[in-house]
């Protein structure tokens, strides 16, 4: 289901993980996440999600 109701959290860091930097967000109350090897990759992914919503595209991710 497509939705414009999306909330983002800041980048989460969990030590002792193979991919320690996580991007977390909510879509219609359901938590989603994606994990990355570097903080730079996580920030880029998060900014792409935010930009996509700013353009007016609904999210299912």
C-alpha atoms as a PDB file:
ATOM      1  CA  UNK A   1       0.000   0.000   0.000  1.00  0.00           C
ATOM      2  CA  UNK A   2       1.336   3.413  -0.957  1.00  0.00           C
ATOM      3  CA  UNK A   3       1.457   6.114   1.703  1.00  0.00           C
ATOM      4  CA  UNK A   4       2.669   9.646   2.354  1.00  0.00           C
ATOM      5  CA  UNK A   5       2.635   9.012   6.128  1.00  0.00           C
ATOM      6  CA  UNK A   6       6.343   8.423   6.683  1.00  0.00           C
ATOM      7  CA  UNK A   7       8.536   9.323   9.684  1.00  0.00           C
ATOM      8  CA  UNK A   8      12.330   9.046   9.775  1.00  0.00           C
ATOM      9  CA  UNK A   9      14.736   8.550  12.671  1.00  0.00           C
ATOM     10  CA  UNK A  10      18.378   9.558  12.772  1.00  0.00           C
ATOM     11  CA  UNK A  11      21.078   7.051  11.789  1.00  0.00           C
ATOM     12  CA  UNK A  12      21.368   4.305  14.400  1.00  0.00           C
ATOM     13  CA  UNK A  13      24.757   2.761  15.241  1.00  0.00           C
ATOM     14  CA  UNK A  14      25.032  -0.727  16.731  1.00  0.00           C
ATOM     15  CA  UNK A  15      28.577  -1.870  17.466  1.00  0.00           C
ATOM     16  CA  UNK A  16      29.695  -5.453  16.858  1.00  0.00           C
ATOM     17  CA  UNK A  17      27.572  -5.823  13.720  1.00  0.00           C
ATOM     18  CA  UNK A  18      28.800  -6.550  10.235  1.00  0.00           C
ATOM     19  CA  UNK A  19      26.687  -3.599   9.002  1.00  0.00           C
ATOM     20  CA  UNK A  20      26.494  -1.279  12.028  1.00  0.00           C
ATOM     21  CA  UNK A  21      24.746   1.810  10.566  1.00  0.00           C
ATOM     22  CA  UNK A  22      20.994   1.650  10.240  1.00  0.00           C
ATOM     23  CA  UNK A  23      18.369   3.835   8.605  1.00  0.00           C
ATOM     24  CA  UNK A  24      14.973   3.441  10.265  1.00  0.00           C
ATOM     25  CA  UNK A  25      11.581   4.824   9.292  1.00  0.00           C
ATOM     26  CA  UNK A  26       7.844   4.239   9.707  1.00  0.00           C
ATOM     27  CA  UNK A  27       5.320   3.789   6.896  1.00  0.00           C
ATOM     28  CA  UNK A  28       1.693   3.689   8.067  1.00  0.00           C
ATOM     29  CA  UNK A  29       2.876   2.716  11.558  1.00  0.00           C
ATOM     30  CA  UNK A  30       5.034  -0.186  10.332  1.00  0.00           C
ATOM     31  CA  UNK A  31       8.753   0.074  11.088  1.00  0.00           C
ATOM     32  CA  UNK A  32      11.209  -0.447   8.225  1.00  0.00           C
ATOM     33  CA  UNK A  33      15.016  -0.487   8.284  1.00  0.00           C
ATOM     34  CA  UNK A  34      18.060  -0.906   6.089  1.00  0.00           C
ATOM     35  CA  UNK A  35      21.621  -1.452   7.388  1.00  0.00           C
ATOM     36  CA  UNK A  36      24.950  -0.322   5.888  1.00  0.00           C
ATOM     37  CA  UNK A  37      28.699  -0.815   6.305  1.00  0.00           C
ATOM     38  CA  UNK A  38      29.457   2.915   6.521  1.00  0.00           C
ATOM     39  CA  UNK A  39      27.662   5.927   7.931  1.00  0.00           C
ATOM     40  CA  UNK A  40      28.096   7.739   4.616  1.00  0.00           C
ATOM     41  CA  UNK A  41      26.131   5.047   2.769  1.00  0.00           C
ATOM     42  CA  UNK A  42      23.392   5.138   5.411  1.00  0.00           C
ATOM     43  CA  UNK A  43      23.124   8.943   5.218  1.00  0.00           C
ATOM     44  CA  UNK A  44      22.920   8.820   1.422  1.00  0.00           C
ATOM     45  CA  UNK A  45      20.151   6.203   1.500  1.00  0.00           C
ATOM     46  CA  UNK A  46      18.211   8.228   4.090  1.00  0.00           C
ATOM     47  CA  UNK A  47      18.564  11.448   2.099  1.00  0.00           C
ATOM     48  CA  UNK A  48      17.319   9.666  -1.047  1.00  0.00           C
ATOM     49  CA  UNK A  49      14.217   8.490   0.833  1.00  0.00           C
ATOM     50  CA  UNK A  50      13.555  11.985   2.201  1.00  0.00           C
ATOM     51  CA  UNK A  51      14.095  13.551  -1.236  1.00  0.00           C
ATOM     52  CA  UNK A  52      11.725  11.084  -2.871  1.00  0.00           C
ATOM     53  CA  UNK A  53       8.988  12.075  -0.431  1.00  0.00           C
ATOM     54  CA  UNK A  54       9.737  15.778  -0.950  1.00  0.00           C
ATOM     55  CA  UNK A  55       9.047  15.354  -4.655  1.00  0.00           C
ATOM     56  CA  UNK A  56       5.662  13.880  -3.760  1.00  0.00           C
ATOM     57  CA  UNK A  57       6.171  10.199  -4.460  1.00  0.00           C
ATOM     58  CA  UNK A  58       4.379   7.914  -1.998  1.00  0.00           C
ATOM     59  CA  UNK A  59       6.415   5.225  -0.249  1.00  0.00           C
ATOM     60  CA  UNK A  60       5.896   1.508   0.201  1.00  0.00           C
ATOM     61  CA  UNK A  61       9.410   0.829   1.517  1.00  0.00           C
END
